[in-house]
Amino acid sequence: MIPRSLAPLVALAAGFLASPAPSADPPGSTIAVELSNFAFAPATIELVHGRAYALQLTNTGSGGHNFAAPRFFAAAAVDPADRRSIRKGGIEVGKGATVTVRFTAPAAGHYDVRCTHFLHSTFGMKGEIVVS
């Protein structure tokens, strides 16, 4: 039996032990990017160096598109299970498909992104990843 004078202290300790410990880093974020006919939305993706993210690419266009960022993918720490989705620095996303790639953001800098399908970047399908 707990003495009445210690009851508030015991309740406080029980509440502290039951609550989850704060993490040093917030959990990773999902960055949703829509690939439509000749545009990325958003066209600029802002990330923080060293943070974990999931890049979710969804193709809503009338044909195939890709998300090519060779310098970025070479520098990022891509989850080994997702590395196979990246070929020649880009990710192919078929019509109506969604591809998700998990990674940790690389060093600060600006990384170009474009669709390498014939004339797509000329028509405006380009953007950038900014890591701070």
N, C-alpha and C. Protein backbone atom coordinates (compact mmCIF):
# COMPACT_ATOMS: atom_id res chain seq x y z
N MET A 1 0.84 -1.17 0.00
CA MET A 1 0.00 0.00 0.00
C MET A 1 0.89 1.24 0.00
N ILE A 2 0.51 2.23 -0.80
CA ILE A 2 1.28 3.47 -0.93
C ILE A 2 0.75 4.50 0.05
N PRO A 3 1.64 5.11 0.83
CA PRO A 3 1.18 6.16 1.74
C PRO A 3 0.54 7.31 0.96
N ARG A 4 -0.51 7.86 1.54
CA ARG A 4 -1.26 8.94 0.90
C ARG A 4 -0.37 10.10 0.50
N SER A 5 0.64 10.42 1.22
CA SER A 5 1.53 11.56 0.92
C SER A 5 2.37 11.31 -0.33
N LEU A 6 2.58 10.02 -0.70
CA LEU A 6 3.38 9.71 -1.90
C LEU A 6 2.52 9.46 -3.14
N ALA A 7 1.22 9.41 -3.00
CA ALA A 7 0.32 9.10 -4.12
C ALA A 7 0.52 10.05 -5.32
N PRO A 8 0.61 11.38 -5.13
CA PRO A 8 0.82 12.26 -6.29
C PRO A 8 2.14 11.99 -7.00
N LEU A 9 3.17 11.69 -6.24
CA LEU A 9 4.48 11.40 -6.82
C LEU A 9 4.45 10.09 -7.61
N VAL A 10 3.77 9.09 -7.08
CA VAL A 10 3.65 7.80 -7.78
C VAL A 10 2.85 7.99 -9.07
N ALA A 11 1.78 8.76 -9.04
CA ALA A 11 0.97 9.03 -10.24
C ALA A 11 1.79 9.75 -11.29
N LEU A 12 2.59 10.71 -10.86
CA LEU A 12 3.44 11.45 -11.80
C LEU A 12 4.47 10.51 -12.44
N ALA A 13 5.10 9.66 -11.64
CA ALA A 13 6.09 8.71 -12.16
C ALA A 13 5.45 7.73 -13.13
N ALA A 14 4.26 7.25 -12.82
CA ALA A 14 3.56 6.31 -13.70
C ALA A 14 3.23 6.97 -15.04
N GLY A 15 2.80 8.21 -15.01
CA GLY A 15 2.51 8.94 -16.25
C GLY A 15 3.75 9.15 -17.08
N PHE A 16 4.87 9.45 -16.44
CA PHE A 16 6.13 9.66 -17.14
C PHE A 16 6.60 8.37 -17.80
N LEU A 17 6.51 7.25 -17.07
CA LEU A 17 6.95 5.97 -17.60
C LEU A 17 6.06 5.47 -18.73
N ALA A 18 4.80 5.84 -18.71
CA ALA A 18 3.86 5.36 -19.74
C ALA A 18 3.96 6.17 -21.03
N SER A 19 4.44 7.40 -20.95
CA SER A 19 4.50 8.23 -22.17
C SER A 19 5.74 7.89 -22.98
N PRO A 20 5.62 7.91 -24.31
CA PRO A 20 6.78 7.57 -25.14
C PRO A 20 7.88 8.61 -25.01
N ALA A 21 9.10 8.13 -25.12
CA ALA A 21 10.25 9.04 -25.05
C ALA A 21 10.32 9.86 -26.33
N PRO A 22 10.64 11.14 -26.25
CA PRO A 22 10.76 11.94 -27.46
C PRO A 22 11.95 11.45 -28.29
N SER A 23 11.78 11.47 -29.60
CA SER A 23 12.88 11.02 -30.47
C SER A 23 13.79 12.19 -30.79
N ALA A 24 15.04 11.88 -31.06
CA ALA A 24 16.02 12.92 -31.40
C ALA A 24 15.67 13.58 -32.72
N ASP A 25 15.19 12.79 -33.69
CA ASP A 25 14.80 13.32 -34.99
C ASP A 25 13.34 13.02 -35.23
N PRO A 26 12.58 13.97 -35.79
CA PRO A 26 11.19 13.68 -36.10
C PRO A 26 11.13 12.60 -37.18
N PRO A 27 10.03 11.84 -37.21
CA PRO A 27 9.94 10.80 -38.24
C PRO A 27 9.98 11.41 -39.64
N GLY A 28 10.39 10.62 -40.60
CA GLY A 28 10.50 11.08 -41.97
C GLY A 28 9.18 11.53 -42.54
N SER A 29 9.26 12.35 -43.54
CA SER A 29 8.08 12.88 -44.19
C SER A 29 7.89 12.24 -45.55
N THR A 30 6.64 12.20 -45.98
CA THR A 30 6.34 11.75 -47.34
C THR A 30 6.21 12.99 -48.21
N ILE A 31 6.95 13.00 -49.30
CA ILE A 31 6.90 14.09 -50.26
C ILE A 31 6.14 13.56 -51.48
N ALA A 32 4.93 14.04 -51.68
CA ALA A 32 4.10 13.60 -52.81
C ALA A 32 4.35 14.51 -54.00
N VAL A 33 4.70 13.90 -55.14
CA VAL A 33 4.93 14.66 -56.37
C VAL A 33 4.05 14.08 -57.46
N GLU A 34 3.30 14.94 -58.12
CA GLU A 34 2.44 14.53 -59.23
C GLU A 34 3.16 14.80 -60.55
N LEU A 35 3.23 13.77 -61.38
CA LEU A 35 3.80 13.90 -62.72
C LEU A 35 2.61 13.93 -63.67
N SER A 36 2.34 15.10 -64.25
CA SER A 36 1.21 15.25 -65.16
C SER A 36 1.76 15.53 -66.55
N ASN A 37 0.90 15.91 -67.46
CA ASN A 37 1.37 16.22 -68.81
C ASN A 37 2.23 17.47 -68.77
N PHE A 38 3.55 17.24 -68.75
CA PHE A 38 4.57 18.27 -68.86
C PHE A 38 4.73 19.17 -67.64
N ALA A 39 4.49 18.61 -66.44
CA ALA A 39 4.71 19.38 -65.22
C ALA A 39 4.93 18.44 -64.04
N PHE A 40 5.74 18.92 -63.08
CA PHE A 40 5.87 18.28 -61.78
C PHE A 40 5.15 19.19 -60.79
N ALA A 41 4.39 18.62 -59.88
CA ALA A 41 3.73 19.43 -58.86
C ALA A 41 3.98 18.77 -57.51
N PRO A 42 4.76 19.42 -56.66
CA PRO A 42 5.40 20.73 -56.85
C PRO A 42 6.65 20.62 -57.72
N ALA A 43 7.01 21.76 -58.31
CA ALA A 43 8.21 21.81 -59.16
C ALA A 43 9.48 21.94 -58.32
N THR A 44 9.34 22.47 -57.12
CA THR A 44 10.48 22.60 -56.21
C THR A 44 10.19 21.80 -54.95
N ILE A 45 11.13 20.95 -54.60
CA ILE A 45 11.02 20.12 -53.40
C ILE A 45 12.09 20.58 -52.43
N GLU A 46 11.67 20.92 -51.21
CA GLU A 46 12.61 21.40 -50.20
C GLU A 46 12.80 20.33 -49.13
N LEU A 47 14.06 19.99 -48.87
CA LEU A 47 14.41 18.95 -47.91
C LEU A 47 15.45 19.47 -46.93
N VAL A 48 15.63 18.73 -45.85
CA VAL A 48 16.64 19.07 -44.84
C VAL A 48 17.69 17.96 -44.83
N HIS A 49 18.94 18.35 -44.96
CA HIS A 49 20.07 17.40 -44.96
C HIS A 49 19.98 16.45 -43.78
N GLY A 50 20.17 15.16 -44.05
CA GLY A 50 20.22 14.16 -43.00
C GLY A 50 18.89 13.62 -42.54
N ARG A 51 17.78 14.17 -43.03
CA ARG A 51 16.46 13.68 -42.65
C ARG A 51 16.00 12.58 -43.59
N ALA A 52 15.20 11.67 -43.05
CA ALA A 52 14.64 10.58 -43.84
C ALA A 52 13.33 11.03 -44.49
N TYR A 53 13.15 10.63 -45.75
CA TYR A 53 11.95 10.97 -46.51
C TYR A 53 11.49 9.78 -47.33
N ALA A 54 10.23 9.85 -47.75
CA ALA A 54 9.69 8.92 -48.74
C ALA A 54 9.19 9.80 -49.89
N LEU A 55 9.76 9.61 -51.07
CA LEU A 55 9.36 10.36 -52.26
C LEU A 55 8.31 9.53 -52.98
N GLN A 56 7.09 10.04 -53.02
CA GLN A 56 5.98 9.32 -53.64
C GLN A 56 5.63 10.01 -54.96
N LEU A 57 5.96 9.33 -56.06
CA LEU A 57 5.75 9.86 -57.40
C LEU A 57 4.51 9.23 -58.00
N THR A 58 3.54 10.06 -58.40
CA THR A 58 2.30 9.55 -58.99
C THR A 58 2.13 10.17 -60.36
N ASN A 59 1.96 9.32 -61.38
CA ASN A 59 1.79 9.78 -62.76
C ASN A 59 0.30 9.89 -63.06
N THR A 60 -0.17 11.12 -63.23
CA THR A 60 -1.57 11.38 -63.60
C THR A 60 -1.69 11.80 -65.06
N GLY A 61 -0.59 11.73 -65.79
CA GLY A 61 -0.57 12.14 -67.19
C GLY A 61 -1.17 11.08 -68.10
N SER A 62 -1.21 11.42 -69.37
CA SER A 62 -1.82 10.52 -70.37
C SER A 62 -0.83 9.50 -70.92
N GLY A 63 0.43 9.57 -70.47
CA GLY A 63 1.44 8.62 -70.92
C GLY A 63 2.50 8.45 -69.86
N GLY A 64 3.59 7.77 -70.21
CA GLY A 64 4.67 7.54 -69.27
C GLY A 64 5.50 8.79 -69.01
N HIS A 65 6.05 8.87 -67.82
CA HIS A 65 6.95 9.96 -67.44
C HIS A 65 8.05 9.37 -66.57
N ASN A 66 9.07 10.18 -66.32
CA ASN A 66 10.07 9.80 -65.33
C ASN A 66 10.48 10.99 -64.50
N PHE A 67 11.20 10.70 -63.44
CA PHE A 67 11.69 11.71 -62.50
C PHE A 67 13.19 11.50 -62.44
N ALA A 68 13.91 12.24 -63.28
CA ALA A 68 15.36 12.07 -63.40
C ALA A 68 16.10 13.14 -62.60
N ALA A 69 16.89 12.68 -61.64
CA ALA A 69 17.70 13.56 -60.80
C ALA A 69 19.00 12.83 -60.47
N PRO A 70 19.85 12.62 -61.50
CA PRO A 70 21.04 11.79 -61.31
C PRO A 70 21.97 12.23 -60.18
N ARG A 71 22.24 13.51 -60.09
CA ARG A 71 23.14 14.00 -59.03
C ARG A 71 22.53 13.78 -57.65
N PHE A 72 21.22 14.02 -57.55
CA PHE A 72 20.54 13.85 -56.27
C PHE A 72 20.57 12.39 -55.83
N PHE A 73 20.14 11.48 -56.71
CA PHE A 73 20.08 10.08 -56.33
C PHE A 73 21.47 9.48 -56.09
N ALA A 74 22.49 10.01 -56.75
CA ALA A 74 23.86 9.55 -56.50
C ALA A 74 24.34 9.98 -55.12
N ALA A 75 23.87 11.14 -54.65
CA ALA A 75 24.32 11.68 -53.37
C ALA A 75 23.47 11.23 -52.18
N ALA A 76 22.19 10.93 -52.43
CA ALA A 76 21.28 10.55 -51.34
C ALA A 76 21.55 9.12 -50.88
N ALA A 77 21.24 8.85 -49.64
CA ALA A 77 21.33 7.49 -49.10
C ALA A 77 19.97 6.82 -49.32
N VAL A 78 19.84 6.15 -50.46
CA VAL A 78 18.58 5.52 -50.84
C VAL A 78 18.45 4.17 -50.14
N ASP A 79 17.25 3.89 -49.64
CA ASP A 79 16.98 2.61 -49.00
C ASP A 79 17.34 1.49 -49.97
N PRO A 80 18.12 0.50 -49.54
CA PRO A 80 18.54 -0.57 -50.45
C PRO A 80 17.38 -1.27 -51.17
N ALA A 81 16.24 -1.41 -50.50
CA ALA A 81 15.09 -2.07 -51.13
C ALA A 81 14.50 -1.23 -52.26
N ASP A 82 14.73 0.09 -52.23
CA ASP A 82 14.17 0.98 -53.25
C ASP A 82 15.18 1.35 -54.33
N ARG A 83 16.45 1.02 -54.13
CA ARG A 83 17.52 1.37 -55.06
C ARG A 83 17.23 0.84 -56.47
N ARG A 84 16.59 -0.33 -56.58
CA ARG A 84 16.33 -0.93 -57.89
C ARG A 84 15.34 -0.11 -58.73
N SER A 85 14.58 0.79 -58.10
CA SER A 85 13.64 1.65 -58.84
C SER A 85 14.35 2.74 -59.62
N ILE A 86 15.62 2.99 -59.27
CA ILE A 86 16.38 4.08 -59.89
C ILE A 86 17.30 3.50 -60.95
N ARG A 87 17.12 3.94 -62.19
CA ARG A 87 17.96 3.50 -63.30
C ARG A 87 18.49 4.73 -64.03
N LYS A 88 19.80 4.76 -64.22
CA LYS A 88 20.44 5.89 -64.89
C LYS A 88 20.03 7.22 -64.26
N GLY A 89 19.91 7.23 -62.94
CA GLY A 89 19.61 8.47 -62.21
C GLY A 89 18.16 8.90 -62.25
N GLY A 90 17.26 8.03 -62.72
CA GLY A 90 15.86 8.41 -62.80
C GLY A 90 14.93 7.27 -62.42
N ILE A 91 13.67 7.63 -62.21
CA ILE A 91 12.64 6.66 -61.84
C ILE A 91 11.53 6.73 -62.89
N GLU A 92 11.27 5.62 -63.56
CA GLU A 92 10.18 5.54 -64.52
C GLU A 92 8.87 5.35 -63.77
N VAL A 93 7.84 6.10 -64.19
CA VAL A 93 6.53 5.99 -63.56
C VAL A 93 5.51 5.87 -64.69
N GLY A 94 4.96 4.69 -64.86
CA GLY A 94 3.99 4.45 -65.92
C GLY A 94 2.69 5.20 -65.69
N LYS A 95 1.91 5.31 -66.75
CA LYS A 95 0.61 5.99 -66.70
C LYS A 95 -0.24 5.38 -65.58
N GLY A 96 -0.72 6.24 -64.68
CA GLY A 96 -1.58 5.81 -63.58
C GLY A 96 -0.86 5.13 -62.43
N ALA A 97 0.45 5.02 -62.50
CA ALA A 97 1.22 4.31 -61.46
C ALA A 97 1.76 5.26 -60.39
N THR A 98 2.13 4.66 -59.27
CA THR A 98 2.78 5.38 -58.17
C THR A 98 4.02 4.58 -57.77
N VAL A 99 5.14 5.29 -57.62
CA VAL A 99 6.39 4.67 -57.18
C VAL A 99 6.88 5.46 -55.96
N THR A 100 7.26 4.74 -54.92
CA THR A 100 7.76 5.38 -53.70
C THR A 100 9.21 4.95 -53.47
N VAL A 101 10.06 5.93 -53.18
CA VAL A 101 11.47 5.68 -52.90
C VAL A 101 11.81 6.36 -51.58
N ARG A 102 12.38 5.59 -50.66
CA ARG A 102 12.78 6.11 -49.35
C ARG A 102 14.27 6.42 -49.36
N PHE A 103 14.63 7.53 -48.75
CA PHE A 103 16.03 7.97 -48.74
C PHE A 103 16.28 8.92 -47.59
N THR A 104 17.56 9.19 -47.36
CA THR A 104 17.98 10.23 -46.44
C THR A 104 18.60 11.33 -47.29
N ALA A 105 18.16 12.58 -47.05
CA ALA A 105 18.60 13.71 -47.87
C ALA A 105 20.11 13.90 -47.80
N PRO A 106 20.72 14.18 -48.96
CA PRO A 106 22.17 14.38 -49.03
C PRO A 106 22.59 15.76 -48.54
N ALA A 107 23.83 16.12 -48.84
CA ALA A 107 24.38 17.43 -48.47
C ALA A 107 23.56 18.56 -49.07
N ALA A 108 23.63 19.70 -48.42
CA ALA A 108 22.91 20.88 -48.90
C ALA A 108 23.32 21.22 -50.33
N GLY A 109 22.35 21.68 -51.09
CA GLY A 109 22.62 22.07 -52.47
C GLY A 109 21.35 22.07 -53.30
N HIS A 110 21.52 22.42 -54.57
CA HIS A 110 20.42 22.44 -55.54
C HIS A 110 20.66 21.30 -56.53
N TYR A 111 19.62 20.50 -56.74
CA TYR A 111 19.70 19.34 -57.62
C TYR A 111 18.60 19.45 -58.68
N ASP A 112 18.99 19.42 -59.95
CA ASP A 112 18.02 19.53 -61.04
C ASP A 112 17.22 18.24 -61.19
N VAL A 113 15.95 18.41 -61.57
CA VAL A 113 15.04 17.31 -61.84
C VAL A 113 14.39 17.57 -63.19
N ARG A 114 14.23 16.50 -63.99
CA ARG A 114 13.53 16.67 -65.26
C ARG A 114 12.98 15.33 -65.72
N CYS A 115 12.06 15.40 -66.65
CA CYS A 115 11.59 14.19 -67.32
C CYS A 115 12.42 14.07 -68.59
N THR A 116 13.04 12.91 -68.77
CA THR A 116 13.93 12.74 -69.92
C THR A 116 13.22 12.17 -71.15
N HIS A 117 11.91 11.97 -71.08
CA HIS A 117 11.19 11.52 -72.26
C HIS A 117 11.24 12.62 -73.32
N PHE A 118 11.19 12.23 -74.57
CA PHE A 118 11.38 13.14 -75.70
C PHE A 118 10.53 14.41 -75.56
N LEU A 119 11.21 15.56 -75.49
CA LEU A 119 10.66 16.91 -75.43
C LEU A 119 9.89 17.26 -74.15
N HIS A 120 9.76 16.34 -73.20
CA HIS A 120 8.97 16.65 -72.00
C HIS A 120 9.57 17.80 -71.19
N SER A 121 10.89 17.83 -71.00
CA SER A 121 11.48 18.94 -70.24
C SER A 121 11.40 20.24 -71.04
N THR A 122 11.47 20.14 -72.36
CA THR A 122 11.32 21.33 -73.22
C THR A 122 9.95 21.97 -73.02
N PHE A 123 8.94 21.12 -72.82
CA PHE A 123 7.58 21.61 -72.61
C PHE A 123 7.31 22.00 -71.16
N GLY A 124 8.33 21.95 -70.31
CA GLY A 124 8.19 22.45 -68.95
C GLY A 124 8.28 21.43 -67.84
N MET A 125 8.53 20.18 -68.16
CA MET A 125 8.57 19.16 -67.12
C MET A 125 9.97 19.09 -66.51
N LYS A 126 10.22 20.09 -65.62
CA LYS A 126 11.49 20.18 -64.93
C LYS A 126 11.29 20.88 -63.60
N GLY A 127 12.26 20.73 -62.72
CA GLY A 127 12.16 21.36 -61.41
C GLY A 127 13.48 21.23 -60.70
N GLU A 128 13.42 21.33 -59.36
CA GLU A 128 14.64 21.22 -58.58
C GLU A 128 14.34 20.69 -57.18
N ILE A 129 15.36 20.09 -56.62
CA ILE A 129 15.33 19.66 -55.23
C ILE A 129 16.32 20.57 -54.50
N VAL A 130 15.86 21.22 -53.44
CA VAL A 130 16.71 22.12 -52.67
C VAL A 130 16.89 21.50 -51.29
N VAL A 131 18.12 21.21 -50.94
CA VAL A 131 18.44 20.64 -49.64
C VAL A 131 19.16 21.70 -48.82
N SER A 132 18.63 21.95 -47.61
CA SER A 132 19.26 22.95 -46.73
C SER A 132 19.87 22.28 -45.51
